[in-house]
Amino acid sequence: NMRLVAQERGVALALDGGAGGTATGDGRQFRRVFYNLIDNAVKHTPPGGRIRVACRLDGGEVVVTVEDTGFGISEVHLPRIFDRFY
């Protein structure tokens, strides 16, 4: 449970699921993606920090955001963050 992991590290984790929509797809892959995103946010957010996971409807699509108060990714690395094994 990521909420417990965040709590142990002194990080507040807020979930805002107020979108009211439905997404279809592979449930196992959805869980994997969300776990990885939240786990990464927990790892890189200092104690006392916050993580907010929210979803909303936008033009018939469900948009999910994960925001944290961690140090972020250096601008120098942003162009390559989706390169495999970078």
PDB file of N, CA and C in Angstrom:
ATOM      1  N   ASN A   1       0.843  -1.177   0.000  1.00  0.00           N
ATOM      2  CA  ASN A   1       0.000   0.000   0.000  1.00  0.00           C
ATOM      3  C   ASN A   1       0.889   1.241   0.000  1.00  0.00           C
ATOM      4  N   MET A   2       0.787   2.050  -1.042  1.00  0.00           N
ATOM      5  CA  MET A   2       1.646   3.223  -1.176  1.00  0.00           C
ATOM      6  C   MET A   2       1.339   4.281  -0.125  1.00  0.00           C
ATOM      7  N   ARG A   3       0.117   4.317   0.371  1.00  0.00           N
ATOM      8  CA  ARG A   3      -0.217   5.290   1.416  1.00  0.00           C
ATOM      9  C   ARG A   3       0.624   5.011   2.662  1.00  0.00           C
ATOM     10  N   LEU A   4       0.783   3.735   3.011  1.00  0.00           N
ATOM     11  CA  LEU A   4       1.597   3.368   4.177  1.00  0.00           C
ATOM     12  C   LEU A   4       3.066   3.683   3.951  1.00  0.00           C
ATOM     13  N   VAL A   5       3.555   3.409   2.753  1.00  0.00           N
ATOM     14  CA  VAL A   5       4.960   3.698   2.434  1.00  0.00           C
ATOM     15  C   VAL A   5       5.209   5.201   2.542  1.00  0.00           C
ATOM     16  N   ALA A   6       4.302   5.993   1.993  1.00  0.00           N
ATOM     17  CA  ALA A   6       4.442   7.454   2.070  1.00  0.00           C
ATOM     18  C   ALA A   6       4.423   7.906   3.522  1.00  0.00           C
ATOM     19  N   GLN A   7       3.501   7.362   4.287  1.00  0.00           N
ATOM     20  CA  GLN A   7       3.373   7.726   5.698  1.00  0.00           C
ATOM     21  C   GLN A   7       4.657   7.409   6.464  1.00  0.00           C
ATOM     22  N   GLU A   8       5.241   6.238   6.197  1.00  0.00           N
ATOM     23  CA  GLU A   8       6.487   5.851   6.859  1.00  0.00           C
ATOM     24  C   GLU A   8       7.625   6.807   6.532  1.00  0.00           C
ATOM     25  N   ARG A   9       7.602   7.387   5.347  1.00  0.00           N
ATOM     26  CA  ARG A   9       8.655   8.321   4.926  1.00  0.00           C
ATOM     27  C   ARG A   9       8.318   9.766   5.290  1.00  0.00           C
ATOM     28  N   GLY A  10       7.188   9.975   5.967  1.00  0.00           N
ATOM     29  CA  GLY A  10       6.815  11.317   6.386  1.00  0.00           C
ATOM     30  C   GLY A  10       6.285  12.183   5.263  1.00  0.00           C
ATOM     31  N   VAL A  11       5.681  11.548   4.256  1.00  0.00           N
ATOM     32  CA  VAL A  11       5.159  12.256   3.088  1.00  0.00           C
ATOM     33  C   VAL A  11       3.640  12.111   3.064  1.00  0.00           C
ATOM     34  N   ALA A  12       2.943  13.216   2.858  1.00  0.00           N
ATOM     35  CA  ALA A  12       1.477  13.178   2.770  1.00  0.00           C
ATOM     36  C   ALA A  12       1.071  12.775   1.362  1.00  0.00           C
ATOM     37  N   LEU A  13       0.149  11.826   1.255  1.00  0.00           N
ATOM     38  CA  LEU A  13      -0.341  11.351  -0.034  1.00  0.00           C
ATOM     39  C   LEU A  13      -1.837  11.598  -0.102  1.00  0.00           C
ATOM     40  N   ALA A  14      -2.258  12.445  -1.043  1.00  0.00           N
ATOM     41  CA  ALA A  14      -3.676  12.762  -1.212  1.00  0.00           C
ATOM     42  C   ALA A  14      -4.153  12.214  -2.544  1.00  0.00           C
ATOM     43  N   LEU A  15      -5.300  11.556  -2.530  1.00  0.00           N
ATOM     44  CA  LEU A  15      -5.896  11.005  -3.736  1.00  0.00           C
ATOM     45  C   LEU A  15      -7.202  11.735  -4.011  1.00  0.00           C
ATOM     46  N   ASP A  16      -7.307  12.330  -5.187  1.00  0.00           N
ATOM     47  CA  ASP A  16      -8.506  13.045  -5.585  1.00  0.00           C
ATOM     48  C   ASP A  16      -9.056  12.360  -6.824  1.00  0.00           C
ATOM     49  N   GLY A  17     -10.009  11.465  -6.621  1.00  0.00           N
ATOM     50  CA  GLY A  17     -10.566  10.699  -7.734  1.00  0.00           C
ATOM     51  C   GLY A  17     -11.913  11.204  -8.168  1.00  0.00           C
ATOM     52  N   GLY A  18     -12.095  12.485  -8.189  1.00  0.00           N
ATOM     53  CA  GLY A  18     -13.406  13.055  -8.464  1.00  0.00           C
ATOM     54  C   GLY A  18     -13.785  13.165  -9.923  1.00  0.00           C
ATOM     55  N   ALA A  19     -13.117  12.467 -10.829  1.00  0.00           N
ATOM     56  CA  ALA A  19     -13.410  12.629 -12.253  1.00  0.00           C
ATOM     57  C   ALA A  19     -14.782  12.094 -12.619  1.00  0.00           C
ATOM     58  N   GLY A  20     -15.209  11.014 -12.012  1.00  0.00           N
ATOM     59  CA  GLY A  20     -16.507  10.443 -12.325  1.00  0.00           C
ATOM     60  C   GLY A  20     -16.552   9.703 -13.648  1.00  0.00           C
ATOM     61  N   GLY A  21     -15.428   9.418 -14.262  1.00  0.00           N
ATOM     62  CA  GLY A  21     -15.395   8.721 -15.535  1.00  0.00           C
ATOM     63  C   GLY A  21     -14.925   7.293 -15.381  1.00  0.00           C
ATOM     64  N   THR A  22     -14.847   6.619 -16.501  1.00  0.00           N
ATOM     65  CA  THR A  22     -14.390   5.241 -16.519  1.00  0.00           C
ATOM     66  C   THR A  22     -13.305   5.101 -17.574  1.00  0.00           C
ATOM     67  N   ALA A  23     -12.241   4.423 -17.225  1.00  0.00           N
ATOM     68  CA  ALA A  23     -11.176   4.131 -18.178  1.00  0.00           C
ATOM     69  C   ALA A  23     -11.180   2.633 -18.423  1.00  0.00           C
ATOM     70  N   THR A  24     -10.982   2.244 -19.653  1.00  0.00           N
ATOM     71  CA  THR A  24     -10.920   0.823 -19.976  1.00  0.00           C
ATOM     72  C   THR A  24      -9.491   0.465 -20.346  1.00  0.00           C
ATOM     73  N   GLY A  25      -9.126  -0.741 -20.037  1.00  0.00           N
ATOM     74  CA  GLY A  25      -7.783  -1.196 -20.348  1.00  0.00           C
ATOM     75  C   GLY A  25      -7.404  -2.349 -19.452  1.00  0.00           C
ATOM     76  N   ASP A  26      -6.154  -2.700 -19.478  1.00  0.00           N
ATOM     77  CA  ASP A  26      -5.613  -3.801 -18.697  1.00  0.00           C
ATOM     78  C   ASP A  26      -5.422  -3.334 -17.254  1.00  0.00           C
ATOM     79  N   GLY A  27      -6.242  -3.821 -16.343  1.00  0.00           N
ATOM     80  CA  GLY A  27      -6.192  -3.415 -14.943  1.00  0.00           C
ATOM     81  C   GLY A  27      -4.828  -3.620 -14.323  1.00  0.00           C
ATOM     82  N   ARG A  28      -4.162  -4.707 -14.667  1.00  0.00           N
ATOM     83  CA  ARG A  28      -2.837  -4.984 -14.111  1.00  0.00           C
ATOM     84  C   ARG A  28      -1.830  -3.926 -14.567  1.00  0.00           C
ATOM     85  N   GLN A  29      -1.930  -3.536 -15.833  1.00  0.00           N
ATOM     86  CA  GLN A  29      -1.014  -2.506 -16.341  1.00  0.00           C
ATOM     87  C   GLN A  29      -1.324  -1.145 -15.733  1.00  0.00           C
ATOM     88  N   PHE A  30      -2.618  -0.818 -15.537  1.00  0.00           N
ATOM     89  CA  PHE A  30      -2.981   0.427 -14.858  1.00  0.00           C
ATOM     90  C   PHE A  30      -2.358   0.467 -13.466  1.00  0.00           C
ATOM     91  N   ARG A  31      -2.522  -0.626 -12.712  1.00  0.00           N
ATOM     92  CA  ARG A  31      -1.950  -0.678 -11.362  1.00  0.00           C
ATOM     93  C   ARG A  31      -0.442  -0.516 -11.404  1.00  0.00           C
ATOM     94  N   ARG A  32       0.192  -1.135 -12.355  1.00  0.00           N
ATOM     95  CA  ARG A  32       1.651  -1.061 -12.489  1.00  0.00           C
ATOM     96  C   ARG A  32       2.105   0.376 -12.751  1.00  0.00           C
ATOM     97  N   VAL A  33       1.426   1.051 -13.665  1.00  0.00           N
ATOM     98  CA  VAL A  33       1.770   2.440 -13.991  1.00  0.00           C
ATOM     99  C   VAL A  33       1.575   3.337 -12.775  1.00  0.00           C
ATOM    100  N   PHE A  34       0.398   3.220 -12.117  1.00  0.00           N
ATOM    101  CA  PHE A  34       0.138   4.054 -10.948  1.00  0.00           C
ATOM    102  C   PHE A  34       1.123   3.757  -9.830  1.00  0.00           C
ATOM    103  N   TYR A  35       1.415   2.490  -9.597  1.00  0.00           N
ATOM    104  CA  TYR A  35       2.380   2.131  -8.559  1.00  0.00           C
ATOM    105  C   TYR A  35       3.727   2.782  -8.851  1.00  0.00           C
ATOM    106  N   ASN A  36       4.203   2.660 -10.094  1.00  0.00           N
ATOM    107  CA  ASN A  36       5.508   3.206 -10.452  1.00  0.00           C
ATOM    108  C   ASN A  36       5.548   4.724 -10.310  1.00  0.00           C
ATOM    109  N   LEU A  37       4.489   5.409 -10.755  1.00  0.00           N
ATOM    110  CA  LEU A  37       4.454   6.865 -10.644  1.00  0.00           C
ATOM    111  C   LEU A  37       4.456   7.318  -9.184  1.00  0.00           C
ATOM    112  N   ILE A  38       3.613   6.685  -8.365  1.00  0.00           N
ATOM    113  CA  ILE A  38       3.515   7.080  -6.964  1.00  0.00           C
ATOM    114  C   ILE A  38       4.771   6.674  -6.205  1.00  0.00           C
ATOM    115  N   ASP A  39       5.300   5.486  -6.491  1.00  0.00           N
ATOM    116  CA  ASP A  39       6.535   5.039  -5.848  1.00  0.00           C
ATOM    117  C   ASP A  39       7.674   6.013  -6.144  1.00  0.00           C
ATOM    118  N   ASN A  40       7.790   6.450  -7.382  1.00  0.00           N
ATOM    119  CA  ASN A  40       8.822   7.406  -7.762  1.00  0.00           C
ATOM    120  C   ASN A  40       8.633   8.728  -7.017  1.00  0.00           C
ATOM    121  N   ALA A  41       7.396   9.189  -6.920  1.00  0.00           N
ATOM    122  CA  ALA A  41       7.121  10.441  -6.201  1.00  0.00           C
ATOM    123  C   ALA A  41       7.492  10.304  -4.728  1.00  0.00           C
ATOM    124  N   VAL A  42       7.164   9.160  -4.122  1.00  0.00           N
ATOM    125  CA  VAL A  42       7.490   8.942  -2.708  1.00  0.00           C
ATOM    126  C   VAL A  42       9.008   8.935  -2.515  1.00  0.00           C
ATOM    127  N   LYS A  43       9.724   8.269  -3.400  1.00  0.00           N
ATOM    128  CA  LYS A  43      11.185   8.173  -3.279  1.00  0.00           C
ATOM    129  C   LYS A  43      11.871   9.534  -3.379  1.00  0.00           C
ATOM    130  N   HIS A  44      11.286  10.440  -4.174  1.00  0.00           N
ATOM    131  CA  HIS A  44      11.966  11.709  -4.458  1.00  0.00           C
ATOM    132  C   HIS A  44      11.305  12.912  -3.796  1.00  0.00           C
ATOM    133  N   THR A  45      10.444  12.655  -2.831  1.00  0.00           N
ATOM    134  CA  THR A  45       9.835  13.738  -2.064  1.00  0.00           C
ATOM    135  C   THR A  45      10.392  13.678  -0.644  1.00  0.00           C
ATOM    136  N   PRO A  46      10.972  14.759  -0.176  1.00  0.00           N
ATOM    137  CA  PRO A  46      11.566  14.746   1.162  1.00  0.00           C
ATOM    138  C   PRO A  46      10.500  14.655   2.252  1.00  0.00           C
ATOM    139  N   PRO A  47      10.887  14.168   3.437  1.00  0.00           N
ATOM    140  CA  PRO A  47       9.945  14.138   4.561  1.00  0.00           C
ATOM    141  C   PRO A  47       9.303  15.510   4.764  1.00  0.00           C
ATOM    142  N   GLY A  48       8.023  15.496   5.055  1.00  0.00           N
ATOM    143  CA  GLY A  48       7.274  16.735   5.199  1.00  0.00           C
ATOM    144  C   GLY A  48       6.664  17.212   3.894  1.00  0.00           C
ATOM    145  N   GLY A  49       7.010  16.525   2.804  1.00  0.00           N
ATOM    146  CA  GLY A  49       6.494  16.906   1.490  1.00  0.00           C
ATOM    147  C   GLY A  49       5.112  16.337   1.223  1.00  0.00           C
ATOM    148  N   ARG A  50       4.569  16.663   0.039  1.00  0.00           N
ATOM    149  CA  ARG A  50       3.230  16.227  -0.327  1.00  0.00           C
ATOM    150  C   ARG A  50       3.221  15.640  -1.731  1.00  0.00           C
ATOM    151  N   ILE A  51       2.337  14.668  -1.902  1.00  0.00           N
ATOM    152  CA  ILE A  51       2.068  14.084  -3.212  1.00  0.00           C
ATOM    153  C   ILE A  51       0.559  14.152  -3.412  1.00  0.00           C
ATOM    154  N   ARG A  52       0.151  14.583  -4.591  1.00  0.00           N
ATOM    155  CA  ARG A  52      -1.278  14.639  -4.916  1.00  0.00           C
ATOM    156  C   ARG A  52      -1.506  13.885  -6.212  1.00  0.00           C
ATOM    157  N   VAL A  53      -2.390  12.898  -6.159  1.00  0.00           N
ATOM    158  CA  VAL A  53      -2.786  12.136  -7.339  1.00  0.00           C
ATOM    159  C   VAL A  53      -4.227  12.531  -7.630  1.00  0.00           C
ATOM    160  N   ALA A  54      -4.488  13.006  -8.835  1.00  0.00           N
ATOM    161  CA  ALA A  54      -5.831  13.465  -9.183  1.00  0.00           C
ATOM    162  C   ALA A  54      -6.218  12.960 -10.566  1.00  0.00           C
ATOM    163  N   CYS A  55      -7.504  12.831 -10.774  1.00  0.00           N
ATOM    164  CA  CYS A  55      -7.992  12.511 -12.113  1.00  0.00           C
ATOM    165  C   CYS A  55      -9.197  13.398 -12.411  1.00  0.00           C
ATOM    166  N   ARG A  56      -9.334  13.699 -13.690  1.00  0.00           N
ATOM    167  CA  ARG A  56     -10.438  14.546 -14.133  1.00  0.00           C
ATOM    168  C   ARG A  56     -10.821  14.157 -15.544  1.00  0.00           C
ATOM    169  N   LEU A  57     -12.035  14.520 -15.928  1.00  0.00           N
ATOM    170  CA  LEU A  57     -12.488  14.310 -17.296  1.00  0.00           C
ATOM    171  C   LEU A  57     -12.128  15.525 -18.133  1.00  0.00           C
ATOM    172  N   ASP A  58     -11.644  15.260 -19.336  1.00  0.00           N
ATOM    173  CA  ASP A  58     -11.303  16.342 -20.262  1.00  0.00           C
ATOM    174  C   ASP A  58     -11.681  15.890 -21.661  1.00  0.00           C
ATOM    175  N   GLY A  59     -12.796  16.396 -22.153  1.00  0.00           N
ATOM    176  CA  GLY A  59     -13.221  16.033 -23.511  1.00  0.00           C
ATOM    177  C   GLY A  59     -13.469  14.550 -23.689  1.00  0.00           C
ATOM    178  N   GLY A  60     -14.001  13.892 -22.693  1.00  0.00           N
ATOM    179  CA  GLY A  60     -14.281  12.465 -22.786  1.00  0.00           C
ATOM    180  C   GLY A  60     -13.108  11.571 -22.419  1.00  0.00           C
ATOM    181  N   GLU A  61     -11.984  12.159 -22.098  1.00  0.00           N
ATOM    182  CA  GLU A  61     -10.818  11.376 -21.680  1.00  0.00           C
ATOM    183  C   GLU A  61     -10.578  11.572 -20.199  1.00  0.00           C
ATOM    184  N   VAL A  62     -10.055  10.540 -19.546  1.00  0.00           N
ATOM    185  CA  VAL A  62      -9.673  10.632 -18.144  1.00  0.00           C
ATOM    186  C   VAL A  62      -8.208  11.050 -18.096  1.00  0.00           C
ATOM    187  N   VAL A  63      -7.941  12.160 -17.414  1.00  0.00           N
ATOM    188  CA  VAL A  63      -6.584  12.683 -17.289  1.00  0.00           C
ATOM    189  C   VAL A  63      -6.133  12.489 -15.844  1.00  0.00           C
ATOM    190  N   VAL A  64      -4.998  11.843 -15.670  1.00  0.00           N
ATOM    191  CA  VAL A  64      -4.456  11.581 -14.339  1.00  0.00           C
ATOM    192  C   VAL A  64      -3.179  12.399 -14.175  1.00  0.00           C
ATOM    193  N   THR A  65      -3.058  13.057 -13.014  1.00  0.00           N
ATOM    194  CA  THR A  65      -1.840  13.803 -12.714  1.00  0.00           C
ATOM    195  C   THR A  65      -1.278  13.335 -11.379  1.00  0.00           C
ATOM    196  N   VAL A  66       0.037  13.304 -11.304  1.00  0.00           N
ATOM    197  CA  VAL A  66       0.748  13.016 -10.056  1.00  0.00           C
ATOM    198  C   VAL A  66       1.680  14.198  -9.841  1.00  0.00           C
ATOM    199  N   GLU A  67       1.425  14.950  -8.771  1.00  0.00           N
ATOM    200  CA  GLU A  67       2.240  16.120  -8.436  1.00  0.00           C
ATOM    201  C   GLU A  67       2.900  15.875  -7.091  1.00  0.00           C
ATOM    202  N   ASP A  68       4.143  16.331  -6.971  1.00  0.00           N
ATOM    203  CA  ASP A  68       4.818  16.192  -5.682  1.00  0.00           C
ATOM    204  C   ASP A  68       5.668  17.419  -5.409  1.00  0.00           C
ATOM    205  N   THR A  69       6.141  17.506  -4.194  1.00  0.00           N
ATOM    206  CA  THR A  69       6.982  18.642  -3.800  1.00  0.00           C
ATOM    207  C   THR A  69       8.455  18.243  -3.742  1.00  0.00           C
ATOM    208  N   GLY A  70       8.791  17.231  -4.530  1.00  0.00           N
ATOM    209  CA  GLY A  70      10.186  16.798  -4.614  1.00  0.00           C
ATOM    210  C   GLY A  70      11.006  17.782  -5.422  1.00  0.00           C
ATOM    211  N   PHE A  71      12.273  17.468  -5.628  1.00  0.00           N
ATOM    212  CA  PHE A  71      13.197  18.386  -6.282  1.00  0.00           C
ATOM    213  C   PHE A  71      13.032  18.432  -7.794  1.00  0.00           C
ATOM    214  N   GLY A  72      12.272  17.530  -8.379  1.00  0.00           N
ATOM    215  CA  GLY A  72      12.004  17.562  -9.813  1.00  0.00           C
ATOM    216  C   GLY A  72      13.126  16.988 -10.649  1.00  0.00           C
ATOM    217  N   ILE A  73      12.929  17.069 -11.941  1.00  0.00           N
ATOM    218  CA  ILE A  73      13.900  16.551 -12.910  1.00  0.00           C
ATOM    219  C   ILE A  73      14.606  17.739 -13.537  1.00  0.00           C
ATOM    220  N   SER A  74      15.915  17.678 -13.567  1.00  0.00           N
ATOM    221  CA  SER A  74      16.700  18.749 -14.158  1.00  0.00           C
ATOM    222  C   SER A  74      16.286  18.958 -15.612  1.00  0.00           C
ATOM    223  N   GLU A  75      16.207  20.229 -16.025  1.00  0.00           N
ATOM    224  CA  GLU A  75      15.801  20.543 -17.402  1.00  0.00           C
ATOM    225  C   GLU A  75      16.696  19.872 -18.427  1.00  0.00           C
ATOM    226  N   VAL A  76      17.934  19.661 -18.071  1.00  0.00           N
ATOM    227  CA  VAL A  76      18.882  19.024 -18.989  1.00  0.00           C
ATOM    228  C   VAL A  76      18.452  17.590 -19.336  1.00  0.00           C
ATOM    229  N   HIS A  77      17.737  16.926 -18.413  1.00  0.00           N
ATOM    230  CA  HIS A  77      17.329  15.541 -18.626  1.00  0.00           C
ATOM    231  C   HIS A  77      15.937  15.396 -19.231  1.00  0.00           C
ATOM    232  N   LEU A  78      15.130  16.446 -19.201  1.00  0.00           N
ATOM    233  CA  LEU A  78      13.740  16.354 -19.664  1.00  0.00           C
ATOM    234  C   LEU A  78      13.576  15.824 -21.088  1.00  0.00           C
ATOM    235  N   PRO A  79      14.401  16.233 -22.048  1.00  0.00           N
ATOM    236  CA  PRO A  79      14.193  15.724 -23.407  1.00  0.00           C
ATOM    237  C   PRO A  79      14.351  14.201 -23.533  1.00  0.00           C
ATOM    238  N   ARG A  80      15.003  13.565 -22.554  1.00  0.00           N
ATOM    239  CA  ARG A  80      15.291  12.133 -22.684  1.00  0.00           C
ATOM    240  C   ARG A  80      14.558  11.263 -21.679  1.00  0.00           C
ATOM    241  N   ILE A  81      13.632  11.821 -20.884  1.00  0.00           N
ATOM    242  CA  ILE A  81      13.039  11.032 -19.801  1.00  0.00           C
ATOM    243  C   ILE A  81      12.259   9.819 -20.291  1.00  0.00           C
ATOM    244  N   PHE A  82      11.812   9.823 -21.533  1.00  0.00           N
ATOM    245  CA  PHE A  82      11.079   8.664 -22.039  1.00  0.00           C
ATOM    246  C   PHE A  82      11.954   7.749 -22.892  1.00  0.00           C
ATOM    247  N   ASP A  83      13.246   8.050 -22.980  1.00  0.00           N
ATOM    248  CA  ASP A  83      14.167   7.149 -23.681  1.00  0.00           C
ATOM    249  C   ASP A  83      14.357   5.903 -22.832  1.00  0.00           C
ATOM    250  N   ARG A  84      14.274   4.769 -23.452  1.00  0.00           N
ATOM    251  CA  ARG A  84      14.428   3.511 -22.738  1.00  0.00           C
ATOM    252  C   ARG A  84      15.799   3.427 -22.081  1.00  0.00           C
ATOM    253  N   PHE A  85      15.818   3.037 -20.812  1.00  0.00           N
ATOM    254  CA  PHE A  85      17.028   2.827 -20.007  1.00  0.00           C
ATOM    255  C   PHE A  85      17.817   4.108 -19.739  1.00  0.00           C
ATOM    256  N   TYR A  86      17.242   5.286 -19.987  1.00  0.00           N
ATOM    257  CA  TYR A  86      17.951   6.536 -19.692  1.00  0.00           C
ATOM    258  C   TYR A  86      17.866   6.813 -18.218  1.00  0.00           C
TER     259      TYR A  86
END
